N, C-alpha and C. Protein backbone atom coordinates (compact mmCIF):
# COMPACT_ATOMS: atom_id res chain seq x y z
N MET A 1 -27.41 -35.52 -115.74
CA MET A 1 -28.58 -34.83 -115.24
C MET A 1 -29.38 -35.77 -114.37
N SER A 2 -30.05 -35.18 -113.41
CA SER A 2 -30.94 -35.97 -112.57
C SER A 2 -32.12 -35.10 -112.16
N VAL A 3 -33.20 -35.76 -111.81
CA VAL A 3 -34.40 -35.07 -111.35
C VAL A 3 -34.34 -35.04 -109.83
N GLU A 4 -34.44 -33.85 -109.28
CA GLU A 4 -34.33 -33.67 -107.83
C GLU A 4 -35.48 -32.81 -107.32
N ILE A 5 -35.76 -32.94 -106.04
CA ILE A 5 -36.77 -32.11 -105.39
C ILE A 5 -36.04 -31.15 -104.45
N LEU A 6 -36.35 -29.86 -104.59
CA LEU A 6 -35.73 -28.85 -103.75
C LEU A 6 -36.65 -27.68 -103.54
N ASP A 7 -36.30 -26.85 -102.59
CA ASP A 7 -37.02 -25.61 -102.36
C ASP A 7 -36.01 -24.56 -101.90
N ALA A 8 -36.49 -23.39 -101.52
CA ALA A 8 -35.60 -22.31 -101.13
C ALA A 8 -34.71 -22.69 -99.96
N SER A 9 -35.24 -23.49 -99.04
CA SER A 9 -34.43 -23.85 -97.86
C SER A 9 -33.22 -24.69 -98.26
N THR A 10 -33.34 -25.50 -99.30
CA THR A 10 -32.20 -26.29 -99.78
C THR A 10 -31.05 -25.35 -100.16
N ILE A 11 -31.39 -24.30 -100.88
CA ILE A 11 -30.39 -23.35 -101.35
C ILE A 11 -29.88 -22.47 -100.20
N CYS A 12 -30.79 -21.99 -99.37
CA CYS A 12 -30.38 -21.13 -98.25
C CYS A 12 -29.48 -21.88 -97.28
N ASN A 13 -29.79 -23.13 -97.00
CA ASN A 13 -28.95 -23.92 -96.10
C ASN A 13 -27.56 -24.14 -96.70
N PHE A 14 -27.51 -24.33 -98.01
CA PHE A 14 -26.24 -24.47 -98.72
C PHE A 14 -25.40 -23.21 -98.56
N ILE A 15 -26.00 -22.06 -98.79
CA ILE A 15 -25.30 -20.78 -98.67
C ILE A 15 -24.88 -20.52 -97.23
N ASN A 16 -25.75 -20.83 -96.29
CA ASN A 16 -25.48 -20.55 -94.88
C ASN A 16 -24.43 -21.48 -94.27
N ASP A 17 -24.16 -22.59 -94.93
CA ASP A 17 -23.06 -23.46 -94.50
C ASP A 17 -21.79 -22.85 -95.10
N THR A 18 -21.31 -21.81 -94.46
CA THR A 18 -20.24 -20.97 -95.00
C THR A 18 -19.03 -21.76 -95.47
N GLU A 19 -18.59 -22.70 -94.67
CA GLU A 19 -17.40 -23.48 -95.03
C GLU A 19 -17.65 -24.31 -96.30
N PHE A 20 -18.79 -24.98 -96.34
CA PHE A 20 -19.11 -25.83 -97.50
C PHE A 20 -19.34 -24.98 -98.75
N PHE A 21 -20.08 -23.87 -98.59
CA PHE A 21 -20.35 -22.99 -99.73
C PHE A 21 -19.05 -22.40 -100.27
N THR A 22 -18.19 -21.93 -99.39
CA THR A 22 -16.93 -21.33 -99.81
C THR A 22 -16.05 -22.34 -100.54
N LYS A 23 -16.01 -23.57 -100.04
CA LYS A 23 -15.23 -24.62 -100.71
C LYS A 23 -15.81 -24.93 -102.09
N SER A 24 -17.13 -25.02 -102.19
CA SER A 24 -17.77 -25.30 -103.47
C SER A 24 -17.48 -24.20 -104.48
N ILE A 25 -17.54 -22.95 -104.02
CA ILE A 25 -17.25 -21.80 -104.88
C ILE A 25 -15.79 -21.83 -105.32
N ALA A 26 -14.90 -22.08 -104.37
CA ALA A 26 -13.45 -22.10 -104.68
C ALA A 26 -13.13 -23.22 -105.66
N ASP A 27 -13.76 -24.37 -105.50
CA ASP A 27 -13.54 -25.49 -106.43
C ASP A 27 -13.97 -25.12 -107.84
N ARG A 28 -15.15 -24.53 -107.98
CA ARG A 28 -15.64 -24.15 -109.31
C ARG A 28 -14.76 -23.06 -109.90
N PHE A 29 -14.40 -22.07 -109.09
CA PHE A 29 -13.54 -20.97 -109.54
C PHE A 29 -12.24 -21.54 -110.10
N SER A 30 -11.64 -22.47 -109.38
CA SER A 30 -10.39 -23.09 -109.81
C SER A 30 -10.55 -23.80 -111.15
N THR A 31 -11.69 -24.43 -111.34
CA THR A 31 -11.96 -25.13 -112.60
C THR A 31 -12.11 -24.14 -113.76
N ILE A 32 -12.78 -23.03 -113.51
CA ILE A 32 -13.00 -22.02 -114.55
C ILE A 32 -11.71 -21.28 -114.88
N ASP A 33 -10.86 -21.07 -113.88
CA ASP A 33 -9.61 -20.33 -114.04
C ASP A 33 -8.60 -21.18 -114.81
N SER A 34 -8.77 -21.24 -116.11
CA SER A 34 -7.98 -22.16 -116.95
C SER A 34 -6.49 -21.85 -116.98
N ASN A 35 -6.11 -20.58 -116.79
CA ASN A 35 -4.68 -20.27 -116.79
C ASN A 35 -4.10 -20.21 -115.37
N HIS A 36 -4.93 -20.48 -114.39
CA HIS A 36 -4.52 -20.59 -112.97
C HIS A 36 -3.80 -19.36 -112.45
N ASP A 37 -4.29 -18.17 -112.85
CA ASP A 37 -3.68 -16.94 -112.36
C ASP A 37 -4.43 -16.35 -111.17
N GLY A 38 -5.47 -17.04 -110.71
CA GLY A 38 -6.24 -16.56 -109.57
C GLY A 38 -7.28 -15.52 -109.91
N LEU A 39 -7.48 -15.27 -111.19
CA LEU A 39 -8.47 -14.31 -111.67
C LEU A 39 -9.21 -14.91 -112.85
N LEU A 40 -10.47 -14.53 -112.99
CA LEU A 40 -11.24 -14.96 -114.16
C LEU A 40 -11.27 -13.83 -115.17
N SER A 41 -10.81 -14.12 -116.36
CA SER A 41 -10.90 -13.15 -117.46
C SER A 41 -12.31 -13.21 -118.04
N TYR A 42 -12.60 -12.25 -118.90
CA TYR A 42 -13.90 -12.28 -119.59
C TYR A 42 -14.07 -13.60 -120.32
N THR A 43 -13.05 -14.04 -121.04
CA THR A 43 -13.12 -15.27 -121.83
C THR A 43 -13.41 -16.48 -120.94
N GLU A 44 -12.72 -16.56 -119.81
CA GLU A 44 -12.92 -17.70 -118.91
C GLU A 44 -14.34 -17.70 -118.33
N LEU A 45 -14.80 -16.55 -117.86
CA LEU A 45 -16.14 -16.49 -117.26
C LEU A 45 -17.23 -16.63 -118.31
N ALA A 46 -17.04 -16.04 -119.48
CA ALA A 46 -18.04 -16.16 -120.54
C ALA A 46 -18.23 -17.61 -120.96
N SER A 47 -17.15 -18.35 -120.99
CA SER A 47 -17.24 -19.78 -121.32
C SER A 47 -18.14 -20.51 -120.31
N GLU A 48 -17.98 -20.18 -119.04
CA GLU A 48 -18.81 -20.79 -117.99
C GLU A 48 -20.25 -20.31 -118.10
N LEU A 49 -20.44 -19.02 -118.34
CA LEU A 49 -21.80 -18.47 -118.44
C LEU A 49 -22.57 -19.07 -119.61
N LYS A 50 -21.88 -19.37 -120.69
CA LYS A 50 -22.54 -19.98 -121.85
C LYS A 50 -23.15 -21.33 -121.49
N LYS A 51 -22.52 -22.04 -120.56
CA LYS A 51 -23.04 -23.33 -120.12
C LYS A 51 -24.37 -23.18 -119.39
N LEU A 52 -24.62 -21.98 -118.83
CA LEU A 52 -25.87 -21.74 -118.10
C LEU A 52 -27.06 -21.58 -119.03
N ARG A 53 -26.79 -21.38 -120.31
CA ARG A 53 -27.83 -21.24 -121.32
C ARG A 53 -28.87 -20.20 -120.90
N VAL A 54 -28.39 -18.99 -120.62
CA VAL A 54 -29.27 -17.94 -120.11
C VAL A 54 -30.33 -17.51 -121.11
N ILE A 55 -30.18 -17.87 -122.37
CA ILE A 55 -31.20 -17.51 -123.35
C ILE A 55 -32.09 -18.69 -123.72
N GLU A 56 -31.84 -19.82 -123.14
CA GLU A 56 -32.62 -21.01 -123.45
C GLU A 56 -34.09 -20.76 -123.13
N THR A 57 -34.95 -21.19 -124.02
CA THR A 57 -36.37 -20.97 -123.81
C THR A 57 -37.15 -22.27 -123.61
N HIS A 58 -36.64 -23.39 -124.10
CA HIS A 58 -37.42 -24.62 -123.99
C HIS A 58 -36.52 -25.84 -124.03
N PHE A 59 -36.13 -26.34 -122.89
CA PHE A 59 -35.40 -27.61 -122.76
C PHE A 59 -34.29 -27.79 -123.78
N GLY A 60 -33.38 -26.82 -123.84
CA GLY A 60 -32.22 -26.95 -124.70
C GLY A 60 -32.43 -26.49 -126.13
N ILE A 61 -33.61 -26.03 -126.45
CA ILE A 61 -33.89 -25.55 -127.81
C ILE A 61 -34.15 -24.05 -127.73
N ASP A 62 -33.35 -23.30 -128.43
CA ASP A 62 -33.52 -21.86 -128.44
C ASP A 62 -34.41 -21.47 -129.61
N ASP A 63 -35.58 -20.90 -129.28
CA ASP A 63 -36.51 -20.48 -130.34
C ASP A 63 -35.97 -19.31 -131.13
N ILE A 64 -35.35 -18.38 -130.44
CA ILE A 64 -34.81 -17.19 -131.09
C ILE A 64 -33.31 -17.21 -130.89
N VAL A 65 -32.58 -17.21 -131.97
CA VAL A 65 -31.12 -17.23 -131.88
C VAL A 65 -30.62 -15.79 -132.01
N PRO A 66 -30.05 -15.25 -130.93
CA PRO A 66 -29.55 -13.88 -131.00
C PRO A 66 -28.30 -13.77 -131.87
N SER A 67 -28.05 -12.58 -132.34
CA SER A 67 -26.85 -12.34 -133.15
C SER A 67 -25.62 -12.41 -132.25
N ASN A 68 -24.46 -12.50 -132.86
CA ASN A 68 -23.21 -12.50 -132.09
C ASN A 68 -23.05 -11.21 -131.30
N ASP A 69 -23.50 -10.08 -131.87
CA ASP A 69 -23.43 -8.80 -131.16
C ASP A 69 -24.32 -8.82 -129.92
N GLU A 70 -25.53 -9.36 -130.07
CA GLU A 70 -26.44 -9.44 -128.93
C GLU A 70 -25.88 -10.35 -127.84
N LEU A 71 -25.31 -11.47 -128.24
CA LEU A 71 -24.69 -12.38 -127.27
C LEU A 71 -23.52 -11.71 -126.58
N GLY A 72 -22.71 -11.00 -127.35
CA GLY A 72 -21.57 -10.29 -126.78
C GLY A 72 -22.01 -9.28 -125.74
N GLN A 73 -23.06 -8.54 -126.03
CA GLN A 73 -23.59 -7.56 -125.07
C GLN A 73 -24.12 -8.25 -123.82
N LEU A 74 -24.80 -9.37 -124.01
CA LEU A 74 -25.35 -10.12 -122.88
C LEU A 74 -24.23 -10.59 -121.97
N TYR A 75 -23.21 -11.23 -122.54
CA TYR A 75 -22.11 -11.75 -121.71
C TYR A 75 -21.26 -10.63 -121.12
N GLN A 76 -21.10 -9.51 -121.83
CA GLN A 76 -20.38 -8.37 -121.26
C GLN A 76 -21.14 -7.84 -120.04
N GLY A 77 -22.46 -7.76 -120.16
CA GLY A 77 -23.28 -7.30 -119.04
C GLY A 77 -23.19 -8.24 -117.84
N LEU A 78 -23.23 -9.53 -118.11
CA LEU A 78 -23.10 -10.50 -117.02
C LEU A 78 -21.72 -10.43 -116.39
N PHE A 79 -20.70 -10.30 -117.22
CA PHE A 79 -19.34 -10.18 -116.69
C PHE A 79 -19.22 -8.95 -115.79
N ALA A 80 -19.82 -7.85 -116.20
CA ALA A 80 -19.77 -6.61 -115.42
C ALA A 80 -20.44 -6.81 -114.05
N ARG A 81 -21.47 -7.65 -113.99
CA ARG A 81 -22.11 -7.95 -112.69
C ARG A 81 -21.13 -8.62 -111.74
N PHE A 82 -20.27 -9.49 -112.27
CA PHE A 82 -19.30 -10.20 -111.45
C PHE A 82 -18.10 -9.32 -111.11
N ASP A 83 -17.69 -8.47 -112.03
CA ASP A 83 -16.50 -7.63 -111.87
C ASP A 83 -16.86 -6.40 -111.06
N HIS A 84 -17.04 -6.56 -109.76
CA HIS A 84 -17.52 -5.50 -108.88
C HIS A 84 -16.63 -4.27 -108.88
N ASP A 85 -15.32 -4.45 -108.96
CA ASP A 85 -14.42 -3.29 -108.91
C ASP A 85 -14.08 -2.74 -110.30
N GLY A 86 -14.60 -3.37 -111.36
CA GLY A 86 -14.43 -2.86 -112.71
C GLY A 86 -13.02 -2.92 -113.25
N ASN A 87 -12.18 -3.83 -112.71
CA ASN A 87 -10.79 -3.88 -113.15
C ASN A 87 -10.55 -4.83 -114.33
N GLY A 88 -11.63 -5.41 -114.88
CA GLY A 88 -11.48 -6.26 -116.05
C GLY A 88 -11.24 -7.72 -115.75
N SER A 89 -11.26 -8.08 -114.48
CA SER A 89 -11.14 -9.49 -114.10
C SER A 89 -11.96 -9.73 -112.84
N VAL A 90 -12.24 -10.99 -112.58
CA VAL A 90 -13.06 -11.37 -111.43
C VAL A 90 -12.20 -12.22 -110.50
N ASP A 91 -12.06 -11.75 -109.26
CA ASP A 91 -11.32 -12.54 -108.28
C ASP A 91 -12.28 -13.48 -107.55
N LEU A 92 -11.73 -14.32 -106.71
CA LEU A 92 -12.53 -15.32 -106.01
C LEU A 92 -13.63 -14.69 -105.16
N GLU A 93 -13.31 -13.62 -104.47
CA GLU A 93 -14.32 -12.99 -103.60
C GLU A 93 -15.46 -12.40 -104.43
N GLU A 94 -15.15 -11.76 -105.55
CA GLU A 94 -16.20 -11.21 -106.43
C GLU A 94 -17.08 -12.34 -106.95
N TYR A 95 -16.45 -13.43 -107.36
CA TYR A 95 -17.19 -14.59 -107.88
C TYR A 95 -18.11 -15.15 -106.79
N LYS A 96 -17.57 -15.29 -105.59
CA LYS A 96 -18.35 -15.82 -104.48
C LYS A 96 -19.56 -14.93 -104.17
N LEU A 97 -19.32 -13.62 -104.08
CA LEU A 97 -20.41 -12.69 -103.77
C LEU A 97 -21.51 -12.73 -104.83
N GLU A 98 -21.12 -12.76 -106.09
CA GLU A 98 -22.14 -12.76 -107.16
C GLU A 98 -22.87 -14.09 -107.22
N MET A 99 -22.16 -15.20 -107.03
CA MET A 99 -22.83 -16.51 -107.04
C MET A 99 -23.78 -16.63 -105.86
N ARG A 100 -23.42 -16.03 -104.75
CA ARG A 100 -24.33 -16.01 -103.59
C ARG A 100 -25.62 -15.28 -103.98
N GLU A 101 -25.48 -14.13 -104.65
CA GLU A 101 -26.66 -13.37 -105.09
C GLU A 101 -27.50 -14.16 -106.09
N VAL A 102 -26.83 -14.83 -107.00
CA VAL A 102 -27.53 -15.66 -107.99
C VAL A 102 -28.33 -16.75 -107.28
N MET A 103 -27.67 -17.43 -106.34
CA MET A 103 -28.34 -18.52 -105.62
C MET A 103 -29.50 -18.00 -104.78
N LEU A 104 -29.33 -16.86 -104.14
CA LEU A 104 -30.43 -16.28 -103.37
C LEU A 104 -31.61 -15.88 -104.26
N SER A 105 -31.31 -15.40 -105.46
CA SER A 105 -32.37 -15.07 -106.41
C SER A 105 -33.14 -16.32 -106.83
N ILE A 106 -32.41 -17.39 -107.06
CA ILE A 106 -33.08 -18.66 -107.42
C ILE A 106 -33.95 -19.12 -106.26
N ALA A 107 -33.42 -19.04 -105.03
CA ALA A 107 -34.19 -19.44 -103.85
C ALA A 107 -35.45 -18.60 -103.73
N SER A 108 -35.33 -17.31 -103.94
CA SER A 108 -36.49 -16.43 -103.87
C SER A 108 -37.54 -16.81 -104.90
N GLY A 109 -37.09 -17.15 -106.09
CA GLY A 109 -38.01 -17.55 -107.15
C GLY A 109 -38.69 -18.88 -106.87
N LEU A 110 -37.98 -19.80 -106.20
CA LEU A 110 -38.56 -21.11 -105.90
C LEU A 110 -39.59 -21.04 -104.78
N GLY A 111 -39.30 -20.27 -103.77
CA GLY A 111 -40.18 -20.23 -102.60
C GLY A 111 -39.98 -21.47 -101.75
N PHE A 112 -40.89 -21.69 -100.81
CA PHE A 112 -40.70 -22.76 -99.84
C PHE A 112 -41.59 -23.97 -100.09
N LEU A 113 -42.20 -24.05 -101.25
CA LEU A 113 -42.91 -25.27 -101.64
C LEU A 113 -41.97 -26.09 -102.51
N PRO A 114 -41.82 -27.37 -102.21
CA PRO A 114 -40.89 -28.20 -102.99
C PRO A 114 -41.27 -28.25 -104.47
N VAL A 115 -40.24 -28.18 -105.31
CA VAL A 115 -40.43 -28.32 -106.75
C VAL A 115 -39.48 -29.39 -107.26
N GLN A 116 -39.87 -30.00 -108.34
CA GLN A 116 -39.05 -31.02 -108.98
C GLN A 116 -38.34 -30.37 -110.15
N MET A 117 -37.01 -30.55 -110.21
CA MET A 117 -36.22 -29.91 -111.26
C MET A 117 -35.22 -30.90 -111.83
N VAL A 118 -34.88 -30.71 -113.10
CA VAL A 118 -33.79 -31.44 -113.71
C VAL A 118 -32.52 -30.63 -113.46
N LEU A 119 -31.53 -31.26 -112.81
CA LEU A 119 -30.31 -30.56 -112.45
C LEU A 119 -29.11 -31.21 -113.11
N GLU A 120 -28.19 -30.38 -113.55
CA GLU A 120 -26.95 -30.86 -114.15
C GLU A 120 -26.00 -31.31 -113.06
N GLU A 121 -25.29 -32.39 -113.32
CA GLU A 121 -24.29 -32.87 -112.37
C GLU A 121 -23.25 -31.77 -112.18
N GLY A 122 -22.86 -31.53 -110.94
CA GLY A 122 -21.84 -30.54 -110.65
C GLY A 122 -22.35 -29.12 -110.52
N SER A 123 -23.63 -28.89 -110.84
CA SER A 123 -24.17 -27.53 -110.70
C SER A 123 -24.30 -27.20 -109.22
N PHE A 124 -24.32 -25.91 -108.90
CA PHE A 124 -24.46 -25.52 -107.51
C PHE A 124 -25.79 -26.00 -106.93
N LEU A 125 -26.85 -26.04 -107.73
CA LEU A 125 -28.12 -26.55 -107.23
C LEU A 125 -28.02 -28.03 -106.90
N LYS A 126 -27.35 -28.79 -107.75
CA LYS A 126 -27.16 -30.21 -107.50
C LYS A 126 -26.30 -30.41 -106.24
N ILE A 127 -25.26 -29.61 -106.09
CA ILE A 127 -24.41 -29.69 -104.89
C ILE A 127 -25.23 -29.38 -103.64
N ALA A 128 -26.13 -28.38 -103.73
CA ALA A 128 -26.98 -28.02 -102.60
C ALA A 128 -27.89 -29.19 -102.21
N VAL A 129 -28.45 -29.86 -103.20
CA VAL A 129 -29.32 -31.02 -102.94
C VAL A 129 -28.51 -32.15 -102.32
N GLU A 130 -27.33 -32.42 -102.86
CA GLU A 130 -26.49 -33.49 -102.32
C GLU A 130 -26.09 -33.19 -100.87
N ARG A 131 -25.80 -31.93 -100.58
CA ARG A 131 -25.45 -31.53 -99.22
C ARG A 131 -26.63 -31.78 -98.28
N GLU A 132 -27.82 -31.41 -98.74
CA GLU A 132 -29.03 -31.61 -97.93
C GLU A 132 -29.28 -33.10 -97.68
N MET A 133 -29.12 -33.91 -98.70
CA MET A 133 -29.34 -35.36 -98.55
C MET A 133 -28.33 -35.94 -97.57
N ALA A 134 -27.06 -35.52 -97.66
CA ALA A 134 -26.02 -36.02 -96.75
C ALA A 134 -26.32 -35.61 -95.32
N ALA A 135 -26.82 -34.38 -95.13
CA ALA A 135 -27.15 -33.89 -93.78
C ALA A 135 -28.28 -34.73 -93.18
N LYS A 136 -29.25 -35.13 -93.99
CA LYS A 136 -30.37 -35.95 -93.51
C LYS A 136 -29.90 -37.33 -93.10
N VAL A 137 -28.94 -37.87 -93.83
CA VAL A 137 -28.41 -39.20 -93.52
C VAL A 137 -27.66 -39.18 -92.19
N HIS A 138 -26.93 -38.09 -91.94
CA HIS A 138 -26.13 -37.97 -90.72
C HIS A 138 -26.94 -37.51 -89.52
N ALA A 139 -28.18 -37.10 -89.74
CA ALA A 139 -29.01 -36.58 -88.63
C ALA A 139 -29.62 -37.69 -87.80
């Protein structure tokens, strides 16, 4: 983890760099696709979604622990967001489209005033910051 400063433009520039964004998405997809069949199953994607700690309320400590049924419903709902065609698996294009929407939502929430955030190594936000820093060095 590292503390980084970013704003919506960091994320938007990452997304708008189509080649870089697509490669980043494809790399992550390949990592998640544990059986290497070119599709993400519910199990593969749910494992990745759990890392996002979508129910976390305070720096890694969950005040309210949901039941297994509640967690199952949450992850099924998230999986359905990614599975655009409803065929029970997520292909690379579906993953890319949904991650783009997720990143744009984060950008919208951040706005254009810089904020300081703790970012996990390898996260798309961290990759966006690293891309921005590299672009500044080369400018």
